[in-house]
Protein backbone atom coordinates (compact mmCIF):
# COMPACT_ATOMS: atom_id res chain seq x y z
CA MET A 1 17.12 3.15 3.86
CA LEU A 2 16.55 -0.47 4.92
CA MET A 3 16.91 -1.51 8.54
CA ASN A 4 19.91 -3.64 9.40
CA ARG A 5 19.64 -7.08 10.95
CA ILE A 6 19.94 -5.80 14.54
CA GLU A 7 17.21 -3.20 14.14
CA LYS A 8 14.88 -5.70 12.47
CA ALA A 9 15.27 -7.95 15.50
CA ALA A 10 14.63 -5.02 17.84
CA VAL A 11 11.46 -3.78 16.15
CA ASN A 12 10.05 -7.31 15.93
CA SER A 13 10.83 -8.16 19.56
CA PRO A 14 8.07 -8.87 22.11
CA ALA A 15 9.18 -5.83 24.13
CA ARG A 16 8.80 -3.46 21.18
CA ARG A 17 5.42 -4.89 20.29
CA ALA A 18 4.20 -4.57 23.87
CA LEU A 19 5.32 -0.93 23.98
CA GLN A 20 3.49 -0.23 20.74
CA ARG A 21 0.34 -2.07 21.74
CA PHE A 22 -0.08 -0.92 25.33
CA TYR A 23 1.45 2.55 25.31
CA GLU A 24 1.99 4.08 21.88
CA VAL A 25 -1.24 3.09 20.14
CA PRO A 26 -3.49 4.23 23.05
CA ALA A 27 -1.58 7.53 23.14
CA LEU A 28 -1.89 7.99 19.38
CA LEU A 29 -5.60 7.18 19.51
CA ARG A 30 -6.07 9.99 22.03
CA LEU A 31 -4.02 12.42 19.96
CA ALA A 32 -5.98 11.52 16.83
CA GLY A 33 -9.31 12.00 18.57
CA GLY A 34 -10.35 8.36 18.30
CA PRO A 35 -10.74 5.74 15.57
CA LEU A 36 -11.22 6.44 11.89
CA PRO A 37 -14.69 7.26 10.55
CA GLU A 38 -16.82 4.31 9.50
CA GLY A 39 -15.51 2.91 6.23
CA GLY A 40 -12.23 4.82 6.70
CA ARG A 41 -9.33 4.02 4.42
CA ALA A 42 -5.71 4.27 5.60
CA VAL A 43 -2.18 4.06 4.25
CA GLU A 44 0.79 2.86 6.30
CA ILE A 45 4.35 3.61 5.26
CA GLY A 46 6.94 1.09 6.41
CA CYS A 47 4.61 -1.70 7.49
CA GLY A 48 7.39 -4.07 8.55
CA SER A 49 6.01 -7.45 9.54
CA GLY A 50 2.42 -6.15 9.67
CA TYR A 51 2.01 -5.81 13.44
CA GLY A 52 1.17 -2.11 13.19
CA THR A 53 -1.08 -2.80 10.21
CA ARG A 54 -3.18 -5.13 12.31
CA MET A 55 -3.54 -2.45 14.99
CA ILE A 56 -4.65 0.07 12.37
CA LEU A 57 -7.39 -2.39 11.45
CA ASP A 58 -8.35 -3.42 14.98
CA ARG A 59 -7.67 -0.39 17.18
CA PHE A 60 -8.10 2.47 14.70
CA GLN A 61 -10.95 0.55 13.00
CA ALA A 62 -9.82 1.16 9.43
CA ALA A 63 -12.01 -0.55 6.86
CA GLN A 64 -9.08 -0.92 4.45
CA VAL A 65 -5.33 -0.40 4.70
CA ASP A 66 -2.77 0.04 1.94
CA ALA A 67 0.62 -0.77 3.46
CA LEU A 68 4.12 -0.69 1.99
CA ASP A 69 7.71 -1.38 2.88
CA LEU A 70 11.04 -1.28 1.02
CA ASP A 71 12.05 -4.66 2.43
CA PRO A 72 10.60 -7.65 0.53
CA ASP A 73 11.23 -9.96 3.49
CA MET A 74 9.17 -7.75 5.77
CA VAL A 75 6.32 -7.54 3.25
CA ALA A 76 6.32 -11.33 3.02
CA LYS A 77 6.04 -11.55 6.81
CA ALA A 78 3.21 -9.02 6.75
CA GLN A 79 1.39 -11.05 4.11
CA HIS A 80 1.59 -14.08 6.37
CA ARG A 81 0.48 -12.14 9.46
CA LEU A 82 -2.47 -10.57 7.65
CA ALA A 83 -3.51 -13.58 5.58
CA ASP A 84 -6.87 -13.61 7.36
CA ARG A 85 -7.67 -10.09 6.08
CA PRO A 86 -7.16 -10.41 2.28
CA ASP A 87 -10.13 -8.20 1.46
CA ARG A 88 -9.02 -5.39 3.81
CA VAL A 89 -5.27 -5.08 3.22
CA ARG A 90 -3.10 -4.38 0.17
CA LEU A 91 0.65 -4.83 0.60
CA GLN A 92 3.42 -3.64 -1.70
CA VAL A 93 7.19 -3.47 -1.82
CA ALA A 94 7.48 0.24 -2.59
CA ASP A 95 8.92 3.66 -1.79
CA ALA A 96 7.07 5.87 0.70
CA THR A 97 7.83 8.95 -1.39
CA ASP A 98 5.76 7.67 -4.35
CA LEU A 99 2.37 6.33 -3.30
CA LYS A 100 1.01 6.75 -6.82
CA ALA A 101 3.46 4.11 -8.05
CA ALA A 102 2.69 1.87 -5.08
CA PHE A 103 -1.11 1.99 -5.05
CA ASP A 104 -2.06 4.38 -7.87
CA ALA A 105 -3.03 6.73 -5.04
CA ALA A 106 -4.62 9.92 -6.31
CA ASP A 107 -4.79 13.17 -4.36
CA ALA A 108 -7.14 13.02 -1.34
CA THR A 109 -7.43 9.22 -1.29
CA TYR A 110 -7.07 8.33 2.40
CA ASP A 111 -8.78 9.21 5.67
CA ALA A 112 -5.57 8.56 7.62
CA ALA A 113 -1.86 7.95 7.12
CA PHE A 114 0.32 6.11 9.65
CA ASP A 115 4.04 6.38 10.30
CA PHE A 116 5.26 4.00 12.99
CA ALA A 117 8.88 5.19 13.21
CA ILE A 118 9.79 4.97 9.52
CA ILE A 119 10.29 8.52 8.22
CA HIS A 120 13.62 8.89 10.05
CA HIS A 121 14.89 6.09 7.76
CA ILE A 122 14.03 8.05 4.59
CA PRO A 123 16.88 10.26 3.31
CA ASP A 124 14.46 12.77 1.76
CA TRP A 125 12.08 12.78 4.70
CA ARG A 126 10.40 16.00 3.62
CA ALA A 127 9.34 14.34 0.36
CA SER A 128 7.63 11.57 2.33
CA VAL A 129 5.72 14.14 4.42
CA ALA A 130 4.68 15.93 1.23
CA GLU A 131 3.47 12.67 -0.29
CA ILE A 132 1.47 11.80 2.82
CA ALA A 133 -0.17 15.22 2.74
CA ARG A 134 -0.98 14.82 -0.96
CA VAL A 135 -2.91 11.59 -0.51
CA LEU A 136 -4.82 12.62 2.62
CA LYS A 137 -8.38 13.82 2.27
CA PRO A 138 -9.24 17.23 3.73
CA GLY A 139 -9.77 16.54 7.41
CA GLY A 140 -7.75 13.33 7.19
CA MET A 141 -5.26 12.49 9.95
CA PHE A 142 -1.52 11.95 9.83
CA ILE A 143 -0.62 9.82 12.85
CA PHE A 144 3.08 9.51 13.62
CA ASP A 145 5.51 7.96 16.07
CA GLU A 146 9.07 9.04 15.21
CA VAL A 147 12.68 8.74 16.31
CA THR A 148 14.49 12.08 16.36
CA ALA A 149 18.04 13.27 15.69
CA HIS A 150 18.55 13.45 19.45
CA ALA A 151 18.12 9.67 19.73
CA LEU A 152 20.07 8.90 16.57
CA ALA A 153 23.08 10.76 17.94
CA ARG A 154 23.29 8.54 21.00
CA PRO A 155 26.26 6.13 20.98
CA THR A 156 24.02 3.04 21.20
CA TYR A 157 22.02 4.03 18.13
CA ARG A 158 25.15 4.93 16.19
CA ARG A 159 26.85 1.66 17.05
CA LEU A 160 23.94 -0.73 16.46
CA PHE A 161 21.70 0.77 13.77
CA ASP A 162 22.03 2.28 10.28
CA HIS A 163 20.31 5.59 9.51
CA PRO A 164 20.76 8.45 7.04
CA GLU A 165 23.57 10.69 8.22
CA HIS A 166 22.34 13.97 6.71
CA ASP A 167 19.29 16.18 7.30
CA ARG A 168 18.12 14.41 10.42
CA PHE A 169 15.21 16.06 12.21
CA THR A 170 14.56 17.04 15.78
CA ALA A 171 11.02 16.94 17.14
CA GLN A 172 10.80 20.68 16.52
CA ASP A 173 12.04 20.29 12.92
CA PHE A 174 9.45 17.61 12.19
CA LEU A 175 6.54 19.52 13.67
CA ALA A 176 7.61 22.72 11.90
CA GLU A 177 7.64 20.95 8.53
CA LEU A 178 4.03 19.77 8.71
CA PRO A 179 2.28 23.15 8.18
CA HIS A 180 4.28 23.62 4.95
CA HIS A 181 2.19 20.74 3.57
CA GLY A 182 -1.20 21.79 4.92
CA LEU A 183 -0.99 19.60 8.03
CA ALA A 184 -2.10 21.20 11.29
CA VAL A 185 -0.79 19.51 14.43
CA THR A 186 -3.65 18.55 16.75
CA GLY A 187 -1.43 17.17 19.50
CA ALA A 188 2.10 15.92 20.09
CA PHE A 189 4.57 15.10 22.83
CA THR A 190 8.11 13.76 23.20
CA ARG A 191 9.58 11.03 25.38
CA ILE A 192 13.04 10.43 26.88
CA GLN A 193 14.49 13.92 26.56
CA GLY A 194 13.16 14.44 23.05
CA ASP A 195 14.30 11.09 21.62
CA TYR A 196 10.83 10.04 20.47
CA LEU A 197 7.96 12.09 19.07
CA LEU A 198 4.32 10.99 19.03
CA GLY A 199 1.63 13.09 17.45
CA ALA A 200 -1.22 13.67 15.05
CA ALA A 201 -1.96 16.30 12.45
CA ARG A 202 -5.07 17.07 10.42
CA LYS A 203 -5.06 17.88 6.70
CA LEU A 204 -6.50 21.35 6.21
CA ASP A 205 -9.36 21.93 3.82
CA PHE A 206 -8.24 25.04 1.98
CA GLY A 207 -11.29 24.94 -0.26
CA SER A 208 -13.60 25.65 2.67
CA GLU A 209 -11.72 28.75 3.78
């Protein structure tokens, strides 16, 4: 589901970017155990205007990022923001539940996958988690910052923003879903009475067991 005009303005505001840059990304780096391995390749679902994509490159030290968004206007903004990195970023207007269509992504393609508060916009959110798990390499990291059903039920969210009405997840629901797809949580915490969930999970290597 696309963001409405009000939410686009909110996520692209200086305050939101400062929160992401100075609080969320450092916290996610700690939860993930540090930057990606040298030469690491990442995928970002819901790249928006490309601000998070740039942090994946600079702070998480990804060598290459494949990033997608359903909104063509946001992808155009991301292309402009990341025009100085043409050899390190691929951008597509695409669905997060089908990364093969977006980037011809085979199983075990990426060292990391990033979700900066996008999965709660996807009606079939479990399918997006399954697709992320599919394309992660064994040992690869799923790094997420999510908005939960607790926040979405607040009057302000309901009045200002548009989100799927059915099958919303709590922090507990989201974390409980990850092991069903071979993702072992390495660390997570919530903020503001469970409204927001930050965490990281590692793709298990079943072949080594």
